């Protein structure tokens, strides 16, 4: 009799657990309905990814160069990750350091290598002097060095900030890149300029967050003058 009683008690507990779980599921669904954060909003336009990094005008260019209009929703946590990685890299005393992604653009229905990303790291002094470039690359006058191509852009900066002890004599060296995976965007000056504009926007947000003097030499609007 004792064994039977325990079995019945176990079944009762399991049934109660199922009811509680179901209730929690319904509550969660109700919460999603109230906040408007249903599954249909998992993918958004370029103006809503990465904490709204891109304004409406630039978002259209992002969609044009990536050949995608819907991306997996991501918050603005990338800015914190980048600034922490750059600060840690600088304080380590190494000549270079890995960084982090500021913004990942993963398209709806895309596979590996289909997305795009804006990334930042700390470069070594000799890197900015490396004359090797990919085919179709055009150099620009912005920053310590800047380049753009049909599949992305790169930017080298130096940051002096009160947050970085010793940076007035040894600035933080910031390397930014915007890379595009699979895209049908044409290899034209307009595509290259758009890629550099995307990277400039990300770099400016990083420079401001780090408190770089004179925004690490970046203008508020991108300088798209070719060398």
N, C-alpha and C. Protein backbone atom coordinates (compact mmCIF):
# COMPACT_ATOMS: atom_id res chain seq x y z
N UNK A 1 0.83 -1.20 0.00
CA UNK A 1 0.00 0.00 0.00
C UNK A 1 0.86 1.25 0.00
N UNK A 2 1.97 1.21 0.71
CA UNK A 2 2.83 2.38 0.78
C UNK A 2 3.39 2.71 -0.59
N UNK A 3 3.77 1.66 -1.34
CA UNK A 3 4.34 1.88 -2.67
C UNK A 3 3.31 2.49 -3.60
N UNK A 4 2.09 1.98 -3.56
CA UNK A 4 1.01 2.52 -4.40
C UNK A 4 0.76 3.97 -4.07
N UNK A 5 0.73 4.29 -2.79
CA UNK A 5 0.50 5.67 -2.37
C UNK A 5 1.55 6.61 -2.92
N UNK A 6 2.80 6.17 -2.88
CA UNK A 6 3.88 7.01 -3.40
C UNK A 6 3.73 7.21 -4.90
N UNK A 7 3.34 6.16 -5.60
CA UNK A 7 3.18 6.26 -7.05
C UNK A 7 2.11 7.27 -7.40
N UNK A 8 0.96 7.15 -6.66
CA UNK A 8 -0.12 8.11 -6.91
C UNK A 8 0.31 9.54 -6.61
N UNK A 9 1.07 9.72 -5.56
CA UNK A 9 1.56 11.06 -5.19
C UNK A 9 2.46 11.61 -6.28
N UNK A 10 3.31 10.71 -6.84
CA UNK A 10 4.21 11.16 -7.91
C UNK A 10 3.44 11.62 -9.13
N UNK A 11 2.37 10.80 -9.48
CA UNK A 11 1.56 11.18 -10.64
C UNK A 11 0.86 12.51 -10.42
N UNK A 12 0.38 12.71 -9.20
CA UNK A 12 -0.31 13.96 -8.88
C UNK A 12 0.64 15.14 -9.00
N UNK A 13 1.88 14.96 -8.50
CA UNK A 13 2.87 16.04 -8.57
C UNK A 13 3.21 16.36 -10.01
N UNK A 14 3.32 15.31 -10.83
CA UNK A 14 3.62 15.52 -12.25
C UNK A 14 2.50 16.28 -12.93
N UNK A 15 1.25 15.93 -12.60
CA UNK A 15 0.11 16.61 -13.21
C UNK A 15 0.09 18.08 -12.81
N UNK A 16 0.35 18.35 -11.53
CA UNK A 16 0.40 19.73 -11.06
C UNK A 16 1.49 20.50 -11.78
N UNK A 17 2.64 19.83 -11.98
CA UNK A 17 3.75 20.48 -12.68
C UNK A 17 3.39 20.86 -14.09
N UNK A 18 2.66 19.97 -14.79
CA UNK A 18 2.23 20.26 -16.16
C UNK A 18 1.29 21.45 -16.20
N UNK A 19 0.39 21.53 -15.23
CA UNK A 19 -0.55 22.65 -15.17
C UNK A 19 0.19 23.96 -14.95
N UNK A 20 1.16 23.94 -14.03
CA UNK A 20 1.94 25.14 -13.74
C UNK A 20 2.73 25.57 -14.96
N UNK A 21 3.37 24.58 -15.64
CA UNK A 21 4.16 24.89 -16.83
C UNK A 21 3.30 25.48 -17.92
N UNK A 22 2.10 24.91 -18.10
CA UNK A 22 1.18 25.41 -19.11
C UNK A 22 0.77 26.84 -18.80
N UNK A 23 0.50 27.08 -17.50
CA UNK A 23 0.13 28.43 -17.10
C UNK A 23 1.23 29.42 -17.36
N UNK A 24 2.48 29.01 -17.09
CA UNK A 24 3.63 29.89 -17.33
C UNK A 24 3.77 30.17 -18.81
N UNK A 25 3.53 29.14 -19.64
CA UNK A 25 3.62 29.33 -21.09
C UNK A 25 2.59 30.32 -21.58
N UNK A 26 1.34 30.20 -21.05
CA UNK A 26 0.29 31.14 -21.45
C UNK A 26 0.62 32.54 -21.01
N UNK A 27 1.20 32.67 -19.82
CA UNK A 27 1.58 34.00 -19.33
C UNK A 27 2.63 34.61 -20.21
N UNK A 28 3.60 33.78 -20.64
CA UNK A 28 4.66 34.28 -21.51
C UNK A 28 4.10 34.74 -22.83
N UNK A 29 3.16 33.95 -23.39
CA UNK A 29 2.54 34.33 -24.66
C UNK A 29 1.79 35.64 -24.50
N UNK A 30 1.08 35.77 -23.37
CA UNK A 30 0.36 37.00 -23.13
C UNK A 30 1.30 38.18 -23.03
N UNK A 31 2.46 37.98 -22.40
CA UNK A 31 3.45 39.05 -22.27
C UNK A 31 3.95 39.48 -23.63
N UNK A 32 4.23 38.50 -24.51
CA UNK A 32 4.68 38.82 -25.86
C UNK A 32 3.63 39.60 -26.61
N UNK A 33 2.38 39.21 -26.44
CA UNK A 33 1.30 39.89 -27.15
C UNK A 33 1.18 41.33 -26.69
N UNK A 34 1.34 41.53 -25.36
CA UNK A 34 1.21 42.87 -24.81
C UNK A 34 2.35 43.77 -25.24
N UNK A 35 3.57 43.23 -25.31
CA UNK A 35 4.73 44.06 -25.64
C UNK A 35 4.99 44.12 -27.13
N UNK A 36 4.30 43.30 -27.93
CA UNK A 36 4.50 43.31 -29.37
C UNK A 36 5.80 42.68 -29.79
N UNK A 37 6.36 41.79 -28.98
CA UNK A 37 7.65 41.16 -29.29
C UNK A 37 7.43 39.69 -29.68
N UNK A 38 6.55 39.46 -30.60
CA UNK A 38 6.29 38.11 -31.05
C UNK A 38 7.37 37.62 -31.96
N UNK A 39 7.26 36.35 -32.35
CA UNK A 39 8.28 35.74 -33.21
C UNK A 39 8.39 36.46 -34.54
N UNK A 40 7.28 37.09 -34.99
CA UNK A 40 7.32 37.75 -36.29
C UNK A 40 8.26 38.95 -36.30
N UNK A 41 8.68 39.42 -35.13
CA UNK A 41 9.58 40.57 -35.06
C UNK A 41 11.03 40.16 -34.79
N UNK A 42 11.32 38.88 -34.91
CA UNK A 42 12.69 38.42 -34.73
C UNK A 42 13.60 39.03 -35.79
N UNK A 43 13.08 39.23 -36.99
CA UNK A 43 13.84 39.82 -38.08
C UNK A 43 13.34 41.24 -38.33
N UNK A 44 14.28 42.16 -38.51
CA UNK A 44 13.94 43.57 -38.66
C UNK A 44 14.75 44.18 -39.79
N UNK A 45 14.41 45.40 -40.17
CA UNK A 45 15.16 46.12 -41.18
C UNK A 45 16.48 46.64 -40.61
N UNK A 46 17.35 47.13 -41.49
CA UNK A 46 18.68 47.58 -41.06
C UNK A 46 18.62 48.78 -40.12
N UNK A 47 17.52 49.51 -40.11
CA UNK A 47 17.41 50.67 -39.23
C UNK A 47 17.15 50.28 -37.78
N UNK A 48 16.86 49.00 -37.53
CA UNK A 48 16.55 48.56 -36.16
C UNK A 48 17.57 47.59 -35.58
N UNK A 49 18.54 47.15 -36.36
CA UNK A 49 19.55 46.24 -35.81
C UNK A 49 20.59 47.03 -35.01
N UNK A 50 21.28 46.31 -34.14
CA UNK A 50 22.42 46.87 -33.41
C UNK A 50 22.10 48.18 -32.70
N UNK A 51 20.95 48.19 -32.03
CA UNK A 51 20.60 49.35 -31.24
C UNK A 51 20.28 50.58 -32.05
N UNK A 52 19.85 50.39 -33.31
CA UNK A 52 19.53 51.54 -34.16
C UNK A 52 20.76 52.32 -34.59
N UNK A 53 21.85 51.60 -34.83
CA UNK A 53 23.12 52.24 -35.21
C UNK A 53 23.00 53.04 -36.51
N UNK A 54 22.21 52.53 -37.44
CA UNK A 54 22.10 53.17 -38.75
C UNK A 54 20.80 53.95 -38.87
N UNK A 55 20.91 55.24 -39.26
CA UNK A 55 19.70 56.02 -39.47
C UNK A 55 19.01 55.56 -40.76
N UNK A 56 17.85 56.13 -41.03
CA UNK A 56 17.03 55.64 -42.14
C UNK A 56 17.76 55.70 -43.48
N UNK A 57 18.48 56.79 -43.70
CA UNK A 57 19.19 56.95 -44.97
C UNK A 57 20.31 55.91 -45.13
N UNK A 58 21.10 55.74 -44.07
CA UNK A 58 22.20 54.79 -44.14
C UNK A 58 21.69 53.35 -44.13
N UNK A 59 20.58 53.12 -43.47
CA UNK A 59 20.00 51.78 -43.44
C UNK A 59 19.67 51.30 -44.85
N UNK A 60 19.20 52.19 -45.69
CA UNK A 60 18.91 51.82 -47.08
C UNK A 60 20.18 51.41 -47.81
N UNK A 61 21.29 52.08 -47.49
CA UNK A 61 22.57 51.73 -48.12
C UNK A 61 23.08 50.39 -47.59
N UNK A 62 22.85 50.13 -46.30
CA UNK A 62 23.23 48.84 -45.73
C UNK A 62 22.48 47.72 -46.46
N UNK A 63 21.20 47.92 -46.66
CA UNK A 63 20.40 46.91 -47.34
C UNK A 63 20.82 46.76 -48.80
N UNK A 64 21.27 47.87 -49.41
CA UNK A 64 21.71 47.81 -50.81
C UNK A 64 23.02 47.03 -50.95
N UNK A 65 24.00 47.31 -50.08
CA UNK A 65 25.31 46.66 -50.24
C UNK A 65 25.30 45.21 -49.77
N UNK A 66 24.39 44.88 -48.87
CA UNK A 66 24.29 43.49 -48.41
C UNK A 66 23.31 42.68 -49.25
N UNK A 67 22.50 43.38 -50.06
CA UNK A 67 21.46 42.76 -50.88
C UNK A 67 20.45 42.01 -50.02
N UNK A 68 20.22 42.50 -48.79
CA UNK A 68 19.24 41.92 -47.88
C UNK A 68 18.45 43.05 -47.23
N UNK A 69 17.21 42.77 -46.88
CA UNK A 69 16.37 43.79 -46.25
C UNK A 69 15.87 43.40 -44.87
N UNK A 70 16.10 42.15 -44.44
CA UNK A 70 15.68 41.70 -43.12
C UNK A 70 16.84 40.98 -42.43
N UNK A 71 17.08 41.37 -41.20
CA UNK A 71 18.21 40.82 -40.45
C UNK A 71 17.74 40.37 -39.07
N UNK A 72 18.45 39.39 -38.53
CA UNK A 72 18.14 38.91 -37.18
C UNK A 72 18.33 40.05 -36.19
N UNK A 73 17.35 40.27 -35.35
CA UNK A 73 17.40 41.40 -34.42
C UNK A 73 18.52 41.24 -33.40
N UNK A 74 19.30 42.31 -33.24
CA UNK A 74 20.35 42.33 -32.23
C UNK A 74 20.29 43.66 -31.48
N UNK A 75 20.61 43.61 -30.19
CA UNK A 75 20.59 44.82 -29.37
C UNK A 75 21.88 45.61 -29.57
N UNK A 76 22.12 46.58 -28.71
CA UNK A 76 23.30 47.44 -28.84
C UNK A 76 24.45 46.99 -27.92
N UNK A 77 24.45 45.73 -27.51
CA UNK A 77 25.50 45.26 -26.60
C UNK A 77 26.88 45.23 -27.27
N UNK A 78 26.91 45.30 -28.59
CA UNK A 78 28.19 45.26 -29.29
C UNK A 78 29.09 46.42 -28.93
N UNK A 79 28.53 47.59 -28.69
CA UNK A 79 29.35 48.77 -28.36
C UNK A 79 30.09 48.55 -27.05
N UNK A 80 29.44 48.00 -26.07
CA UNK A 80 30.08 47.70 -24.79
C UNK A 80 31.19 46.68 -24.97
N UNK A 81 30.92 45.64 -25.76
CA UNK A 81 31.92 44.59 -25.98
C UNK A 81 33.16 45.14 -26.68
N UNK A 82 32.95 46.02 -27.66
CA UNK A 82 34.08 46.59 -28.40
C UNK A 82 34.92 47.49 -27.52
N UNK A 83 34.29 48.39 -26.80
CA UNK A 83 35.06 49.33 -25.97
C UNK A 83 35.80 48.60 -24.85
N UNK A 84 35.19 47.57 -24.30
CA UNK A 84 35.87 46.80 -23.25
C UNK A 84 37.06 46.05 -23.83
N UNK A 85 36.89 45.47 -25.02
CA UNK A 85 37.99 44.72 -25.65
C UNK A 85 39.15 45.65 -26.01
N UNK A 86 38.84 46.82 -26.53
CA UNK A 86 39.88 47.78 -26.90
C UNK A 86 40.60 48.30 -25.66
N UNK A 87 39.85 48.60 -24.62
CA UNK A 87 40.46 49.09 -23.37
C UNK A 87 41.35 48.03 -22.75
N UNK A 88 40.86 46.79 -22.70
CA UNK A 88 41.66 45.69 -22.15
C UNK A 88 42.92 45.46 -22.98
N UNK A 89 42.76 45.52 -24.30
CA UNK A 89 43.91 45.32 -25.18
C UNK A 89 44.97 46.39 -24.98
N UNK A 90 44.52 47.64 -24.84
CA UNK A 90 45.46 48.74 -24.65
C UNK A 90 46.18 48.60 -23.30
N UNK A 91 45.43 48.29 -22.27
CA UNK A 91 46.02 48.19 -20.93
C UNK A 91 46.93 46.98 -20.78
N UNK A 92 46.82 46.02 -21.69
CA UNK A 92 47.67 44.83 -21.62
C UNK A 92 49.12 45.14 -21.97
N UNK A 93 49.33 46.23 -22.70
CA UNK A 93 50.69 46.60 -23.11
C UNK A 93 51.16 45.90 -24.36
N UNK A 94 50.32 45.04 -24.94
CA UNK A 94 50.71 44.36 -26.18
C UNK A 94 50.65 45.32 -27.36
N UNK A 95 51.31 44.97 -28.43
CA UNK A 95 51.32 45.84 -29.61
C UNK A 95 50.02 45.71 -30.40
N UNK A 96 49.30 44.61 -30.24
CA UNK A 96 48.03 44.43 -30.91
C UNK A 96 47.13 43.57 -30.02
N UNK A 97 45.85 43.58 -30.31
CA UNK A 97 44.92 42.77 -29.51
C UNK A 97 43.65 42.51 -30.31
N UNK A 98 43.06 41.34 -30.07
CA UNK A 98 41.79 41.02 -30.70
C UNK A 98 40.70 41.93 -30.14
N UNK A 99 39.65 42.09 -30.88
CA UNK A 99 38.58 42.98 -30.46
C UNK A 99 37.24 42.28 -30.37
N UNK A 100 36.21 42.90 -30.95
CA UNK A 100 34.86 42.34 -30.87
C UNK A 100 34.02 42.90 -32.01
N UNK A 101 32.87 42.27 -32.22
CA UNK A 101 31.92 42.73 -33.23
C UNK A 101 31.07 43.86 -32.66
N UNK A 102 31.00 44.95 -33.39
CA UNK A 102 30.09 46.02 -33.00
C UNK A 102 28.68 45.71 -33.49
N UNK A 103 28.59 45.19 -34.70
CA UNK A 103 27.29 44.92 -35.30
C UNK A 103 27.38 43.73 -36.24
N UNK A 104 26.55 42.73 -36.01
CA UNK A 104 26.44 41.58 -36.90
C UNK A 104 25.13 41.68 -37.68
N UNK A 105 25.22 41.49 -38.98
CA UNK A 105 24.06 41.57 -39.84
C UNK A 105 23.80 40.19 -40.45
N UNK A 106 22.97 39.42 -39.78
CA UNK A 106 22.65 38.06 -40.23
C UNK A 106 21.31 38.08 -40.95
N UNK A 107 21.29 37.85 -42.27
CA UNK A 107 20.05 37.98 -43.03
C UNK A 107 19.09 36.82 -42.82
N UNK A 108 17.82 37.09 -43.02
CA UNK A 108 16.81 36.05 -42.95
C UNK A 108 17.09 35.00 -44.03
N UNK A 109 17.11 33.74 -43.65
CA UNK A 109 17.32 32.67 -44.60
C UNK A 109 18.76 32.51 -45.05
N UNK A 110 19.67 33.26 -44.44
CA UNK A 110 21.07 33.19 -44.85
C UNK A 110 21.80 32.02 -44.21
N UNK A 111 22.91 31.65 -44.81
CA UNK A 111 23.75 30.60 -44.27
C UNK A 111 25.09 31.15 -43.85
N UNK A 112 26.03 30.28 -43.56
CA UNK A 112 27.38 30.70 -43.15
C UNK A 112 28.03 31.52 -44.25
N UNK A 113 28.55 32.67 -43.89
CA UNK A 113 29.23 33.52 -44.86
C UNK A 113 28.33 34.46 -45.62
N UNK A 114 27.02 34.42 -45.33
CA UNK A 114 26.08 35.28 -46.05
C UNK A 114 25.92 36.66 -45.40
N UNK A 115 26.28 36.77 -44.15
CA UNK A 115 26.04 38.01 -43.42
C UNK A 115 27.13 39.04 -43.60
N UNK A 116 27.00 40.12 -42.84
CA UNK A 116 27.99 41.20 -42.84
C UNK A 116 28.26 41.58 -41.39
N UNK A 117 29.37 42.26 -41.14
CA UNK A 117 29.71 42.63 -39.77
C UNK A 117 30.61 43.85 -39.73
N UNK A 118 30.45 44.64 -38.68
CA UNK A 118 31.34 45.76 -38.38
C UNK A 118 32.13 45.36 -37.14
N UNK A 119 33.46 45.30 -37.26
CA UNK A 119 34.31 44.82 -36.18
C UNK A 119 35.42 45.82 -35.87
N UNK A 120 35.94 45.72 -34.63
CA UNK A 120 37.06 46.58 -34.22
C UNK A 120 38.06 45.79 -33.39
N UNK A 121 39.33 46.14 -33.58
CA UNK A 121 40.41 45.52 -32.80
C UNK A 121 41.53 46.54 -32.67
N UNK A 122 42.61 46.15 -32.00
CA UNK A 122 43.77 47.02 -31.85
C UNK A 122 44.87 46.54 -32.80
N UNK A 123 45.34 47.43 -33.67
CA UNK A 123 46.33 47.01 -34.65
C UNK A 123 47.75 47.33 -34.19
N UNK A 124 48.70 46.59 -34.73
CA UNK A 124 50.12 46.83 -34.45
C UNK A 124 50.62 48.01 -35.29
N UNK A 125 51.63 48.74 -34.82
CA UNK A 125 52.10 49.94 -35.54
C UNK A 125 52.43 49.69 -37.00
N UNK A 126 53.02 48.53 -37.30
CA UNK A 126 53.45 48.28 -38.68
C UNK A 126 52.28 47.99 -39.62
N UNK A 127 51.11 47.63 -39.06
CA UNK A 127 49.98 47.27 -39.90
C UNK A 127 49.51 48.42 -40.79
N UNK A 128 49.54 49.63 -40.25
CA UNK A 128 49.04 50.77 -41.01
C UNK A 128 49.94 51.11 -42.19
N UNK A 129 51.17 50.59 -42.16
CA UNK A 129 52.12 50.87 -43.24
C UNK A 129 52.16 49.77 -44.29
N UNK A 130 51.42 48.69 -44.05
CA UNK A 130 51.39 47.57 -44.99
C UNK A 130 50.69 48.02 -46.28
N UNK A 131 51.39 47.99 -47.38
CA UNK A 131 50.85 48.50 -48.65
C UNK A 131 50.02 47.47 -49.41
N UNK A 132 49.97 46.24 -48.92
CA UNK A 132 49.21 45.21 -49.63
C UNK A 132 47.71 45.44 -49.48
N UNK A 133 47.00 45.36 -50.60
CA UNK A 133 45.55 45.54 -50.59
C UNK A 133 44.89 44.51 -51.50
N UNK A 134 43.60 44.29 -51.27
CA UNK A 134 42.85 43.37 -52.12
C UNK A 134 42.58 44.04 -53.47
N UNK A 135 42.39 43.25 -54.51
CA UNK A 135 42.06 43.82 -55.83
C UNK A 135 40.79 44.67 -55.76
N UNK A 136 40.79 45.78 -56.47
CA UNK A 136 39.63 46.66 -56.49
C UNK A 136 39.53 47.59 -55.31
N UNK A 137 40.55 47.62 -54.46
CA UNK A 137 40.53 48.47 -53.27
C UNK A 137 40.91 49.91 -53.64
N UNK A 138 40.18 50.86 -53.07
CA UNK A 138 40.46 52.29 -53.28
C UNK A 138 40.80 52.91 -51.94
N UNK A 139 41.86 53.72 -51.89
CA UNK A 139 42.27 54.39 -50.65
C UNK A 139 41.58 55.75 -50.53
N UNK A 140 41.29 56.13 -49.29
CA UNK A 140 40.63 57.39 -49.00
C UNK A 140 41.49 58.19 -48.01
N UNK A 141 41.12 59.44 -47.78
CA UNK A 141 41.92 60.32 -46.93
C UNK A 141 41.49 60.30 -45.46
N UNK A 142 40.37 59.67 -45.13
CA UNK A 142 39.85 59.70 -43.77
C UNK A 142 40.68 58.85 -42.81
N UNK A 143 40.93 59.37 -41.60
CA UNK A 143 41.66 58.62 -40.58
C UNK A 143 43.14 58.51 -40.90
N UNK A 144 43.83 57.64 -40.15
CA UNK A 144 45.24 57.38 -40.42
C UNK A 144 45.39 56.64 -41.75
N UNK A 145 44.39 55.82 -42.06
CA UNK A 145 44.34 55.10 -43.32
C UNK A 145 42.93 54.57 -43.50
N UNK A 146 42.41 54.65 -44.69
CA UNK A 146 41.06 54.13 -44.95
C UNK A 146 41.00 53.61 -46.37
N UNK A 147 40.23 52.54 -46.53
CA UNK A 147 40.10 51.88 -47.82
C UNK A 147 38.68 51.33 -47.96
N UNK A 148 38.28 51.17 -49.20
CA UNK A 148 36.98 50.55 -49.45
C UNK A 148 37.04 49.74 -50.73
N UNK A 149 36.18 48.74 -50.78
CA UNK A 149 36.08 47.84 -51.93
C UNK A 149 34.63 47.39 -52.05
N UNK A 150 34.32 46.60 -53.05
CA UNK A 150 32.93 46.18 -53.25
C UNK A 150 32.41 45.35 -52.10
N UNK A 151 33.30 44.65 -51.40
CA UNK A 151 32.88 43.74 -50.33
C UNK A 151 33.15 44.27 -48.92
N UNK A 152 33.45 45.56 -48.79
CA UNK A 152 33.65 46.09 -47.45
C UNK A 152 34.55 47.31 -47.41
N UNK A 153 35.06 47.60 -46.21
CA UNK A 153 35.91 48.77 -46.00
C UNK A 153 36.77 48.55 -44.76
N UNK A 154 37.84 49.32 -44.65
CA UNK A 154 38.71 49.25 -43.47
C UNK A 154 39.14 50.66 -43.08
N UNK A 155 39.45 50.84 -41.79
CA UNK A 155 39.76 52.16 -41.26
C UNK A 155 40.71 52.04 -40.09
N UNK A 156 41.76 52.87 -40.11
CA UNK A 156 42.75 52.89 -39.03
C UNK A 156 42.68 54.24 -38.32
N UNK A 157 42.62 54.20 -36.98
CA UNK A 157 42.50 55.42 -36.19
C UNK A 157 43.45 55.40 -35.01
N UNK A 158 43.70 56.57 -34.44
CA UNK A 158 44.45 56.68 -33.19
C UNK A 158 43.62 57.47 -32.20
N UNK A 159 43.50 56.95 -30.98
CA UNK A 159 42.63 57.55 -29.97
C UNK A 159 43.42 57.97 -28.73
N UNK A 160 43.29 59.25 -28.39
CA UNK A 160 43.82 59.78 -27.13
C UNK A 160 42.62 60.08 -26.25
N UNK A 161 42.58 59.46 -25.07
CA UNK A 161 41.41 59.61 -24.21
C UNK A 161 41.82 59.65 -22.73
N UNK A 162 41.12 60.45 -21.92
CA UNK A 162 41.38 60.45 -20.47
C UNK A 162 41.13 59.09 -19.84
N UNK A 163 40.34 58.26 -20.50
CA UNK A 163 40.04 56.92 -19.98
C UNK A 163 41.20 55.96 -20.19
N UNK A 164 42.16 56.34 -21.03
CA UNK A 164 43.27 55.46 -21.36
C UNK A 164 44.57 56.08 -20.88
N UNK A 165 45.05 55.65 -19.73
CA UNK A 165 46.25 56.22 -19.14
C UNK A 165 47.46 56.01 -20.05
N UNK A 166 48.14 57.12 -20.36
CA UNK A 166 49.31 57.05 -21.21
C UNK A 166 49.02 57.27 -22.69
N UNK A 167 47.74 57.41 -23.05
CA UNK A 167 47.40 57.53 -24.46
C UNK A 167 47.83 58.87 -25.07
N UNK A 168 48.12 59.87 -24.21
CA UNK A 168 48.57 61.15 -24.75
C UNK A 168 49.94 61.02 -25.40
N UNK A 169 50.71 60.03 -25.00
CA UNK A 169 52.01 59.79 -25.63
C UNK A 169 52.01 58.53 -26.49
N UNK A 170 51.12 57.59 -26.17
CA UNK A 170 51.00 56.34 -26.93
C UNK A 170 49.52 56.07 -27.17
N UNK A 171 48.97 56.64 -28.27
CA UNK A 171 47.52 56.51 -28.50
C UNK A 171 47.09 55.05 -28.70
N UNK A 172 45.84 54.81 -28.43
CA UNK A 172 45.23 53.52 -28.73
C UNK A 172 45.05 53.42 -30.24
N UNK A 173 45.54 52.36 -30.83
CA UNK A 173 45.43 52.16 -32.29
C UNK A 173 44.20 51.30 -32.57
N UNK A 174 43.24 51.87 -33.27
CA UNK A 174 41.97 51.19 -33.53
C UNK A 174 41.87 50.81 -35.00
N UNK A 175 41.60 49.54 -35.25
CA UNK A 175 41.34 49.07 -36.61
C UNK A 175 39.89 48.67 -36.72
N UNK A 176 39.20 49.24 -37.69
CA UNK A 176 37.80 48.89 -37.92
C UNK A 176 37.62 48.28 -39.29
N UNK A 177 36.69 47.36 -39.40
CA UNK A 177 36.42 46.74 -40.69
C UNK A 177 34.93 46.50 -40.85
N UNK A 178 34.47 46.65 -42.08
CA UNK A 178 33.12 46.27 -42.46
C UNK A 178 33.26 45.25 -43.58
N UNK A 179 32.78 44.04 -43.35
CA UNK A 179 32.92 42.99 -44.35
C UNK A 179 31.55 42.47 -44.75
N UNK A 180 31.39 42.24 -46.03
CA UNK A 180 30.14 41.75 -46.58
C UNK A 180 30.38 40.37 -47.16
N UNK A 181 29.51 39.41 -46.83
CA UNK A 181 29.65 38.07 -47.36
C UNK A 181 29.11 38.00 -48.77
N UNK A 182 28.16 37.12 -48.99
CA UNK A 182 27.56 37.00 -50.32
C UNK A 182 26.71 38.22 -50.63
N UNK A 183 27.01 38.92 -51.73
CA UNK A 183 26.24 40.09 -52.12
C UNK A 183 26.34 40.29 -53.62
N UNK A 184 25.26 40.82 -54.19
CA UNK A 184 25.24 41.11 -55.62
C UNK A 184 25.48 42.59 -55.89
N UNK A 185 25.92 43.33 -54.86
CA UNK A 185 26.16 44.76 -55.03
C UNK A 185 27.27 44.97 -56.07
N UNK A 186 27.08 45.90 -57.02
CA UNK A 186 28.08 46.11 -58.07
C UNK A 186 29.35 46.77 -57.53
N UNK A 187 30.46 46.52 -58.20
CA UNK A 187 31.74 47.12 -57.82
C UNK A 187 31.80 48.51 -58.44
N UNK A 188 31.21 49.47 -57.74
CA UNK A 188 31.12 50.84 -58.24
C UNK A 188 31.57 51.82 -57.15
N UNK A 189 31.87 53.07 -57.51
CA UNK A 189 32.22 54.06 -56.49
C UNK A 189 31.11 54.23 -55.45
N UNK A 190 29.86 54.11 -55.87
CA UNK A 190 28.74 54.25 -54.94
C UNK A 190 28.75 53.14 -53.90
N UNK A 191 29.04 51.92 -54.33
CA UNK A 191 29.10 50.79 -53.38
C UNK A 191 30.26 50.98 -52.41
N UNK A 192 31.41 51.35 -52.93
CA UNK A 192 32.58 51.54 -52.05
C UNK A 192 32.33 52.66 -51.05
N UNK A 193 31.76 53.76 -51.52
CA UNK A 193 31.47 54.88 -50.62
C UNK A 193 30.48 54.46 -49.53
N UNK A 194 29.46 53.70 -49.92
CA UNK A 194 28.47 53.25 -48.94
C UNK A 194 29.11 52.36 -47.88
N UNK A 195 30.00 51.47 -48.30
CA UNK A 195 30.69 50.60 -47.34
C UNK A 195 31.50 51.41 -46.34
N UNK A 196 32.18 52.44 -46.83
CA UNK A 196 32.97 53.27 -45.92
C UNK A 196 32.08 54.11 -45.01
N UNK A 197 30.93 54.52 -45.52
CA UNK A 197 29.97 55.25 -44.68
C UNK A 197 29.48 54.38 -43.53
N UNK A 198 29.18 53.12 -43.82
CA UNK A 198 28.73 52.19 -42.78
C UNK A 198 29.80 52.05 -41.70
N UNK A 199 31.04 51.86 -42.11
CA UNK A 199 32.13 51.70 -41.16
C UNK A 199 32.37 52.99 -40.38
N UNK A 200 32.30 54.14 -41.05
CA UNK A 200 32.49 55.42 -40.36
C UNK A 200 31.48 55.59 -39.23
N UNK A 201 30.22 55.22 -39.48
CA UNK A 201 29.20 55.36 -38.44
C UNK A 201 29.53 54.51 -37.22
N UNK A 202 29.97 53.28 -37.46
CA UNK A 202 30.35 52.42 -36.34
C UNK A 202 31.57 52.95 -35.62
N UNK A 203 32.57 53.41 -36.37
CA UNK A 203 33.80 53.92 -35.77
C UNK A 203 33.54 55.18 -34.95
N UNK A 204 32.66 56.03 -35.44
CA UNK A 204 32.35 57.26 -34.71
C UNK A 204 31.68 56.94 -33.38
N UNK A 205 30.81 55.95 -33.36
CA UNK A 205 30.16 55.57 -32.10
C UNK A 205 31.17 55.01 -31.11
N UNK A 206 32.16 54.26 -31.59
CA UNK A 206 33.21 53.72 -30.73
C UNK A 206 34.09 54.84 -30.19
N UNK A 207 34.48 55.78 -31.05
CA UNK A 207 35.33 56.90 -30.63
C UNK A 207 34.64 57.75 -29.56
N UNK A 208 33.37 57.99 -29.75
CA UNK A 208 32.62 58.79 -28.77
C UNK A 208 32.49 58.04 -27.44
N UNK A 209 32.25 56.74 -27.51
CA UNK A 209 32.10 55.94 -26.28
C UNK A 209 33.41 55.88 -25.51
N UNK A 210 34.52 55.85 -26.21
CA UNK A 210 35.83 55.82 -25.55
C UNK A 210 36.29 57.20 -25.09
N UNK A 211 35.59 58.24 -25.53
CA UNK A 211 35.97 59.60 -25.17
C UNK A 211 37.23 60.07 -25.89
N UNK A 212 37.43 59.61 -27.13
CA UNK A 212 38.62 59.98 -27.90
C UNK A 212 38.60 61.47 -28.23
N UNK A 213 39.72 62.13 -28.04
CA UNK A 213 39.82 63.54 -28.40
C UNK A 213 39.60 63.71 -29.90
N UNK A 214 38.80 64.73 -30.24
CA UNK A 214 38.52 65.02 -31.65
C UNK A 214 37.97 63.79 -32.37
N UNK A 215 37.26 62.94 -31.61
CA UNK A 215 36.66 61.72 -32.17
C UNK A 215 37.67 60.88 -32.96
N UNK A 216 38.90 60.83 -32.43
CA UNK A 216 39.97 60.05 -33.06
C UNK A 216 40.23 60.51 -34.49
N UNK A 217 39.98 61.80 -34.74
CA UNK A 217 40.24 62.35 -36.07
C UNK A 217 39.12 62.14 -37.07
N UNK A 218 38.00 61.59 -36.62
CA UNK A 218 36.88 61.34 -37.53
C UNK A 218 35.96 62.55 -37.61
N UNK A 219 35.55 62.95 -38.81
CA UNK A 219 34.55 64.00 -38.95
C UNK A 219 33.16 63.46 -38.61
N UNK A 220 32.23 64.34 -38.29
CA UNK A 220 30.87 63.91 -37.97
C UNK A 220 30.20 63.27 -39.18
N UNK A 221 30.52 63.77 -40.36
CA UNK A 221 30.04 63.14 -41.59
C UNK A 221 31.26 62.57 -42.32
N UNK A 222 31.14 61.41 -42.95
CA UNK A 222 32.30 60.75 -43.52
C UNK A 222 32.97 61.54 -44.65
N UNK A 223 34.29 61.53 -44.63
CA UNK A 223 35.07 62.13 -45.72
C UNK A 223 35.31 61.04 -46.75
N UNK A 224 34.70 61.16 -47.90
CA UNK A 224 34.77 60.14 -48.93
C UNK A 224 35.66 60.57 -50.08
N UNK A 225 36.72 61.32 -49.73
CA UNK A 225 37.66 61.79 -50.75
C UNK A 225 38.70 60.71 -51.04
N UNK A 226 38.75 60.21 -52.28
CA UNK A 226 39.77 59.21 -52.62
C UNK A 226 41.15 59.85 -52.65
N UNK A 227 42.18 59.05 -52.37
CA UNK A 227 43.54 59.56 -52.46
C UNK A 227 43.98 59.62 -53.92
